[in-house]
Amino acid sequence: MIRDLDDKKGTRSRSHSILLENRQKVTITGVQDVDSFDEATVLLATDFGYITLHGVDLHISKLNLEEGQLLVEGEIIALQYSDADYSRGKGEGLLSRLFR
């Protein structure tokens, strides 16, 4: 489920932080939802935008959406913020995306 971050930007009530330990464990607060995940990528919505984690053997060790906390373990390669709408393009075929 993709959340509309524009509605949330004016009402950020939780703090947001990222703690990366030895590129093996990352703790993120201010998490609204985890939109998708696999062993290589975790896509999540936070109070401050979308975050994409890239890595190897990633797994979610802790997820508490009531408190907005997420703990991911594995080899962290990259962490990227984005305000882009990731729902665009999902569910569409390759040809429909090519001929926009």
C-alpha atoms as a PDB file:
ATOM      1  CA  MET A   1       0.000   0.000   0.000  1.00  0.00           C
ATOM      2  CA  ILE A   2       1.431   3.378  -1.045  1.00  0.00           C
ATOM      3  CA  ARG A   3       0.700   6.279   1.267  1.00  0.00           C
ATOM      4  CA  ASP A   4       0.244   9.870   0.124  1.00  0.00           C
ATOM      5  CA  LEU A   5       3.230  11.631   1.677  1.00  0.00           C
ATOM      6  CA  ASP A   6       2.028  15.104   0.651  1.00  0.00           C
ATOM      7  CA  ASP A   7      -0.770  14.822   3.223  1.00  0.00           C
ATOM      8  CA  LYS A   8       1.716  13.769   5.912  1.00  0.00           C
ATOM      9  CA  LYS A   9       4.351  16.464   5.323  1.00  0.00           C
ATOM     10  CA  GLY A  10       2.457  19.133   7.228  1.00  0.00           C
ATOM     11  CA  THR A  11       1.689  16.815  10.153  1.00  0.00           C
ATOM     12  CA  ARG A  12       4.940  15.079  11.030  1.00  0.00           C
ATOM     13  CA  SER A  13       4.384  14.001  14.586  1.00  0.00           C
ATOM     14  CA  ARG A  14       7.073  11.367  15.089  1.00  0.00           C
ATOM     15  CA  SER A  15      10.797  11.842  15.023  1.00  0.00           C
ATOM     16  CA  HIS A  16      12.749  10.251  12.190  1.00  0.00           C
ATOM     17  CA  SER A  17      16.217   8.769  12.534  1.00  0.00           C
ATOM     18  CA  ILE A  18      18.471   6.252  10.857  1.00  0.00           C
ATOM     19  CA  LEU A  19      21.146   4.328  12.740  1.00  0.00           C
ATOM     20  CA  LEU A  20      23.446   2.242  10.537  1.00  0.00           C
ATOM     21  CA  GLU A  21      25.763  -0.126  12.395  1.00  0.00           C
ATOM     22  CA  ASN A  22      28.770  -1.592  10.553  1.00  0.00           C
ATOM     23  CA  ARG A  23      26.755  -1.786   7.299  1.00  0.00           C
ATOM     24  CA  GLN A  24      25.124  -4.909   8.788  1.00  0.00           C
ATOM     25  CA  LYS A  25      22.158  -3.497  10.708  1.00  0.00           C
ATOM     26  CA  VAL A  26      19.985  -0.416  10.195  1.00  0.00           C
ATOM     27  CA  THR A  27      17.360   0.912  12.593  1.00  0.00           C
ATOM     28  CA  ILE A  28      14.885   3.424  11.168  1.00  0.00           C
ATOM     29  CA  THR A  29      12.264   5.370  13.114  1.00  0.00           C
ATOM     30  CA  GLY A  30       9.347   7.374  11.741  1.00  0.00           C
ATOM     31  CA  VAL A  31       8.277   4.439   9.545  1.00  0.00           C
ATOM     32  CA  GLN A  32       4.690   4.531   8.266  1.00  0.00           C
ATOM     33  CA  ASP A  33       4.651   1.331   6.193  1.00  0.00           C
ATOM     34  CA  VAL A  34       6.826  -1.234   4.414  1.00  0.00           C
ATOM     35  CA  ASP A  35       5.606  -1.305   0.829  1.00  0.00           C
ATOM     36  CA  SER A  36       7.761  -4.188  -0.424  1.00  0.00           C
ATOM     37  CA  PHE A  37      10.790  -6.218   0.543  1.00  0.00           C
ATOM     38  CA  ASP A  38      12.973  -9.090  -0.588  1.00  0.00           C
ATOM     39  CA  GLU A  39      16.562 -10.181   0.057  1.00  0.00           C
ATOM     40  CA  ALA A  40      17.965  -7.356  -2.094  1.00  0.00           C
ATOM     41  CA  THR A  41      15.603  -4.391  -1.567  1.00  0.00           C
ATOM     42  CA  VAL A  42      13.359  -2.933   1.125  1.00  0.00           C
ATOM     43  CA  LEU A  43      10.987  -0.096   0.141  1.00  0.00           C
ATOM     44  CA  LEU A  44       9.379   1.801   2.996  1.00  0.00           C
ATOM     45  CA  ALA A  45       7.382   4.965   3.571  1.00  0.00           C
ATOM     46  CA  THR A  46       8.479   7.289   6.374  1.00  0.00           C
ATOM     47  CA  ASP A  47       7.199  10.597   7.682  1.00  0.00           C
ATOM     48  CA  PHE A  48       9.912  12.294   5.576  1.00  0.00           C
ATOM     49  CA  GLY A  49       9.607  10.421   2.271  1.00  0.00           C
ATOM     50  CA  TYR A  50      10.233   7.006   0.812  1.00  0.00           C
ATOM     51  CA  ILE A  51      13.421   5.106   1.603  1.00  0.00           C
ATOM     52  CA  THR A  52      14.851   2.303  -0.504  1.00  0.00           C
ATOM     53  CA  LEU A  53      17.426   0.033   1.127  1.00  0.00           C
ATOM     54  CA  HIS A  54      19.637  -2.008  -1.191  1.00  0.00           C
ATOM     55  CA  GLY A  55      21.734  -4.881   0.052  1.00  0.00           C
ATOM     56  CA  VAL A  56      22.458  -8.593   0.212  1.00  0.00           C
ATOM     57  CA  ASP A  57      20.593 -11.129   2.375  1.00  0.00           C
ATOM     58  CA  LEU A  58      18.371  -8.409   3.856  1.00  0.00           C
ATOM     59  CA  HIS A  59      15.738  -9.466   6.360  1.00  0.00           C
ATOM     60  CA  ILE A  60      13.390  -7.523   8.590  1.00  0.00           C
ATOM     61  CA  SER A  61      14.191  -8.378  12.210  1.00  0.00           C
ATOM     62  CA  LYS A  62      11.701  -5.997  13.804  1.00  0.00           C
ATOM     63  CA  LEU A  63       8.739  -4.022  12.517  1.00  0.00           C
ATOM     64  CA  ASN A  64       6.489  -2.014  14.823  1.00  0.00           C
ATOM     65  CA  LEU A  65       4.261   0.361  12.842  1.00  0.00           C
ATOM     66  CA  GLU A  66       2.525   1.665  15.952  1.00  0.00           C
ATOM     67  CA  GLU A  67       5.853   3.045  17.184  1.00  0.00           C
ATOM     68  CA  GLY A  68       7.217   3.572  13.657  1.00  0.00           C
ATOM     69  CA  GLN A  69      10.305   1.380  14.147  1.00  0.00           C
ATOM     70  CA  LEU A  70      12.030  -0.911  11.662  1.00  0.00           C
ATOM     71  CA  LEU A  71      15.171  -3.028  12.066  1.00  0.00           C
ATOM     72  CA  VAL A  72      16.753  -4.564   8.964  1.00  0.00           C
ATOM     73  CA  GLU A  73      19.777  -6.860   9.068  1.00  0.00           C
ATOM     74  CA  GLY A  74      22.039  -8.008   6.244  1.00  0.00           C
ATOM     75  CA  GLU A  75      24.758  -6.388   4.147  1.00  0.00           C
ATOM     76  CA  ILE A  76      23.621  -2.799   3.510  1.00  0.00           C
ATOM     77  CA  ILE A  77      24.888  -1.467   0.174  1.00  0.00           C
ATOM     78  CA  ALA A  78      22.843   1.729  -0.238  1.00  0.00           C
ATOM     79  CA  LEU A  79      20.102   3.793   1.363  1.00  0.00           C
ATOM     80  CA  GLN A  80      18.197   6.244  -0.805  1.00  0.00           C
ATOM     81  CA  TYR A  81      15.470   8.811  -0.063  1.00  0.00           C
ATOM     82  CA  SER A  82      12.817   9.611  -2.648  1.00  0.00           C
ATOM     83  CA  ASP A  83       9.516  11.469  -2.810  1.00  0.00           C
ATOM     84  CA  ALA A  84       8.605   9.676  -6.063  1.00  0.00           C
ATOM     85  CA  ASP A  85       5.315   7.827  -6.396  1.00  0.00           C
ATOM     86  CA  TYR A  86       6.324   4.174  -6.570  1.00  0.00           C
ATOM     87  CA  SER A  87       2.787   3.106  -7.430  1.00  0.00           C
ATOM     88  CA  ARG A  88       3.289   4.518 -10.928  1.00  0.00           C
ATOM     89  CA  GLY A  89       4.256   1.687 -13.207  1.00  0.00           C
ATOM     90  CA  LYS A  90       3.163  -1.120 -10.899  1.00  0.00           C
ATOM     91  CA  GLY A  91       0.709  -3.475 -12.500  1.00  0.00           C
ATOM     92  CA  GLU A  92       1.411  -2.131 -15.981  1.00  0.00           C
ATOM     93  CA  GLY A  93       2.924  -4.161 -18.745  1.00  0.00           C
ATOM     94  CA  LEU A  94       6.288  -3.447 -20.303  1.00  0.00           C
ATOM     95  CA  LEU A  95       4.774  -2.127 -23.537  1.00  0.00           C
ATOM     96  CA  SER A  96       2.461   0.319 -21.790  1.00  0.00           C
ATOM     97  CA  ARG A  97       5.423   1.779 -19.910  1.00  0.00           C
ATOM     98  CA  LEU A  98       7.521   2.037 -23.091  1.00  0.00           C
ATOM     99  CA  PHE A  99       4.845   3.841 -25.116  1.00  0.00           C
ATOM    100  CA  ARG A 100       3.829   6.555 -22.649  1.00  0.00           C
END
